[in-house]
Amino acid sequence: MGIVAYKGAIADMDQAIVLSLTFTAAYYSRGLLKMELGLTESGLLDSNKANEPGDTDIFEGINIYRN
């Protein structure tokens, strides 16, 4: 995956987070993508956000499509 693809994927995760602030899978995925680009501090912040108490519905994105 090239840098452009990573940046596009990060933009997709940004949009998912805008749509659902508690979509922990998006924070986690964005964190991993940022770390792959060398943005370690920012990536860790996102990963930590995904682990915050109250933000535990990691399958929220799947549930949107089952309603």
N, C-alpha and C. Protein backbone atom coordinates (compact mmCIF):
# COMPACT_ATOMS: atom_id res chain seq x y z
N MET A 1 0.85 -1.17 0.00
CA MET A 1 0.00 0.00 0.00
C MET A 1 0.90 1.23 0.00
N GLY A 2 0.67 2.15 -0.92
CA GLY A 2 1.48 3.35 -1.00
C GLY A 2 1.02 4.43 -0.05
N ILE A 3 1.84 5.47 0.06
CA ILE A 3 1.54 6.59 0.96
C ILE A 3 0.19 7.22 0.61
N VAL A 4 -0.09 7.36 -0.68
CA VAL A 4 -1.35 7.96 -1.10
C VAL A 4 -2.53 7.12 -0.61
N ALA A 5 -2.41 5.80 -0.70
CA ALA A 5 -3.48 4.92 -0.24
C ALA A 5 -3.68 5.04 1.27
N TYR A 6 -2.58 5.14 2.02
CA TYR A 6 -2.69 5.32 3.47
C TYR A 6 -3.41 6.62 3.79
N LYS A 7 -3.05 7.69 3.10
CA LYS A 7 -3.69 8.98 3.36
C LYS A 7 -5.17 8.94 3.00
N GLY A 8 -5.51 8.23 1.94
CA GLY A 8 -6.92 8.07 1.58
C GLY A 8 -7.68 7.28 2.62
N ALA A 9 -7.04 6.24 3.13
CA ALA A 9 -7.66 5.43 4.18
C ALA A 9 -7.84 6.23 5.46
N ILE A 10 -6.87 7.07 5.78
CA ILE A 10 -7.00 7.94 6.96
C ILE A 10 -8.17 8.90 6.76
N ALA A 11 -8.31 9.45 5.56
CA ALA A 11 -9.44 10.34 5.28
C ALA A 11 -10.77 9.60 5.43
N ASP A 12 -10.81 8.34 5.02
CA ASP A 12 -12.02 7.53 5.20
C ASP A 12 -12.33 7.34 6.69
N MET A 13 -11.29 7.08 7.49
CA MET A 13 -11.50 6.91 8.92
C MET A 13 -11.93 8.22 9.56
N ASP A 14 -11.38 9.35 9.09
CA ASP A 14 -11.80 10.67 9.58
C ASP A 14 -13.30 10.84 9.37
N GLN A 15 -13.77 10.47 8.18
CA GLN A 15 -15.20 10.61 7.86
C GLN A 15 -16.05 9.69 8.73
N ALA A 16 -15.58 8.47 8.95
CA ALA A 16 -16.32 7.54 9.81
C ALA A 16 -16.44 8.09 11.22
N ILE A 17 -15.38 8.72 11.71
CA ILE A 17 -15.40 9.29 13.06
C ILE A 17 -16.35 10.48 13.12
N VAL A 18 -16.40 11.27 12.07
CA VAL A 18 -17.35 12.39 12.03
C VAL A 18 -18.78 11.87 12.12
N LEU A 19 -19.05 10.76 11.45
CA LEU A 19 -20.39 10.19 11.46
C LEU A 19 -20.75 9.52 12.78
N SER A 20 -19.74 9.01 13.48
CA SER A 20 -19.98 8.34 14.76
C SER A 20 -18.76 8.49 15.65
N LEU A 21 -18.84 9.41 16.59
CA LEU A 21 -17.69 9.72 17.45
C LEU A 21 -17.28 8.55 18.34
N THR A 22 -18.13 7.54 18.50
CA THR A 22 -17.80 6.39 19.34
C THR A 22 -17.44 5.15 18.52
N PHE A 23 -17.20 5.31 17.25
CA PHE A 23 -16.84 4.19 16.37
C PHE A 23 -15.37 3.84 16.61
N THR A 24 -15.15 3.02 17.62
CA THR A 24 -13.78 2.74 18.07
C THR A 24 -12.92 2.07 17.01
N ALA A 25 -13.52 1.28 16.14
CA ALA A 25 -12.74 0.61 15.10
C ALA A 25 -12.10 1.64 14.18
N ALA A 26 -12.77 2.76 13.94
CA ALA A 26 -12.21 3.81 13.08
C ALA A 26 -11.01 4.48 13.75
N TYR A 27 -11.12 4.73 15.06
CA TYR A 27 -9.98 5.32 15.78
C TYR A 27 -8.78 4.35 15.75
N TYR A 28 -9.06 3.09 16.01
CA TYR A 28 -8.00 2.09 16.05
C TYR A 28 -7.33 1.96 14.68
N SER A 29 -8.15 1.85 13.64
CA SER A 29 -7.61 1.72 12.28
C SER A 29 -6.81 2.95 11.87
N ARG A 30 -7.35 4.12 12.19
CA ARG A 30 -6.64 5.36 11.85
C ARG A 30 -5.31 5.43 12.58
N GLY A 31 -5.31 4.98 13.83
CA GLY A 31 -4.06 4.95 14.60
C GLY A 31 -3.01 4.07 13.95
N LEU A 32 -3.41 2.89 13.53
CA LEU A 32 -2.47 1.98 12.86
C LEU A 32 -1.94 2.58 11.56
N LEU A 33 -2.82 3.18 10.79
CA LEU A 33 -2.41 3.80 9.53
C LEU A 33 -1.41 4.93 9.77
N LYS A 34 -1.69 5.76 10.77
CA LYS A 34 -0.77 6.86 11.08
C LYS A 34 0.60 6.33 11.51
N MET A 35 0.60 5.27 12.31
CA MET A 35 1.88 4.71 12.74
C MET A 35 2.67 4.15 11.56
N GLU A 36 1.96 3.57 10.59
CA GLU A 36 2.63 3.08 9.38
C GLU A 36 3.31 4.22 8.62
N LEU A 37 2.74 5.41 8.71
CA LEU A 37 3.31 6.58 8.04
C LEU A 37 4.37 7.28 8.89
N GLY A 38 4.63 6.73 10.08
CA GLY A 38 5.64 7.33 10.94
C GLY A 38 5.10 8.39 11.87
N LEU A 39 3.78 8.55 11.90
CA LEU A 39 3.14 9.53 12.78
C LEU A 39 2.80 8.84 14.10
N THR A 40 3.84 8.41 14.79
CA THR A 40 3.68 7.55 15.96
C THR A 40 2.85 8.20 17.07
N GLU A 41 3.17 9.43 17.44
CA GLU A 41 2.46 10.08 18.54
C GLU A 41 0.96 10.21 18.23
N SER A 42 0.65 10.69 17.05
CA SER A 42 -0.74 10.85 16.65
C SER A 42 -1.44 9.49 16.56
N GLY A 43 -0.73 8.49 16.06
CA GLY A 43 -1.29 7.15 15.97
C GLY A 43 -1.59 6.56 17.33
N LEU A 44 -0.70 6.79 18.28
CA LEU A 44 -0.93 6.30 19.63
C LEU A 44 -2.11 6.99 20.29
N LEU A 45 -2.27 8.29 20.02
CA LEU A 45 -3.43 9.01 20.56
C LEU A 45 -4.74 8.39 20.06
N ASP A 46 -4.78 8.07 18.77
CA ASP A 46 -5.97 7.43 18.21
C ASP A 46 -6.19 6.05 18.82
N SER A 47 -5.14 5.29 18.94
CA SER A 47 -5.26 3.95 19.52
C SER A 47 -5.74 4.02 20.96
N ASN A 48 -5.24 4.98 21.71
CA ASN A 48 -5.69 5.17 23.09
C ASN A 48 -7.16 5.59 23.15
N LYS A 49 -7.58 6.41 22.20
CA LYS A 49 -8.98 6.84 22.14
C LYS A 49 -9.89 5.64 21.93
N ALA A 50 -9.44 4.68 21.14
CA ALA A 50 -10.23 3.48 20.88
C ALA A 50 -10.40 2.63 22.14
N ASN A 51 -9.50 2.80 23.09
CA ASN A 51 -9.55 2.00 24.33
C ASN A 51 -10.18 2.73 25.50
N GLU A 52 -10.68 3.93 25.29
CA GLU A 52 -11.27 4.69 26.39
C GLU A 52 -12.55 4.02 26.88
N PRO A 53 -12.77 4.03 28.18
CA PRO A 53 -14.02 3.48 28.72
C PRO A 53 -15.22 4.17 28.11
N GLY A 54 -16.22 3.40 27.79
CA GLY A 54 -17.43 3.95 27.19
C GLY A 54 -17.40 3.88 25.68
N ASP A 55 -16.25 3.70 25.10
CA ASP A 55 -16.13 3.58 23.65
C ASP A 55 -15.78 2.14 23.30
N THR A 56 -16.61 1.21 23.71
CA THR A 56 -16.27 -0.20 23.56
C THR A 56 -17.02 -0.91 22.45
N ASP A 57 -17.89 -0.22 21.73
CA ASP A 57 -18.70 -0.87 20.70
C ASP A 57 -17.92 -0.93 19.39
N ILE A 58 -16.91 -1.78 19.34
CA ILE A 58 -16.05 -1.85 18.16
C ILE A 58 -16.80 -2.37 16.94
N PHE A 59 -17.94 -3.00 17.13
CA PHE A 59 -18.70 -3.54 16.01
C PHE A 59 -19.81 -2.61 15.56
N GLU A 60 -19.76 -1.37 16.01
CA GLU A 60 -20.81 -0.41 15.67
C GLU A 60 -20.97 -0.27 14.16
N GLY A 61 -19.87 -0.26 13.44
CA GLY A 61 -19.94 -0.12 11.99
C GLY A 61 -20.69 -1.26 11.33
N ILE A 62 -20.55 -2.45 11.84
CA ILE A 62 -21.27 -3.60 11.30
C ILE A 62 -22.75 -3.46 11.61
N ASN A 63 -23.08 -3.04 12.81
CA ASN A 63 -24.47 -2.93 13.23
C ASN A 63 -25.25 -1.91 12.41
N ILE A 64 -24.61 -0.89 11.89
CA ILE A 64 -25.28 0.12 11.07
C ILE A 64 -25.94 -0.55 9.87
N TYR A 65 -25.28 -1.54 9.29
CA TYR A 65 -25.78 -2.17 8.08
C TYR A 65 -26.78 -3.29 8.36
N ARG A 66 -26.98 -3.66 9.60
CA ARG A 66 -27.92 -4.73 9.94
C ARG A 66 -29.27 -4.21 10.36
N ASN A 67 -29.44 -2.90 10.42
CA ASN A 67 -30.73 -2.32 10.83
C ASN A 67 -31.69 -2.21 9.69
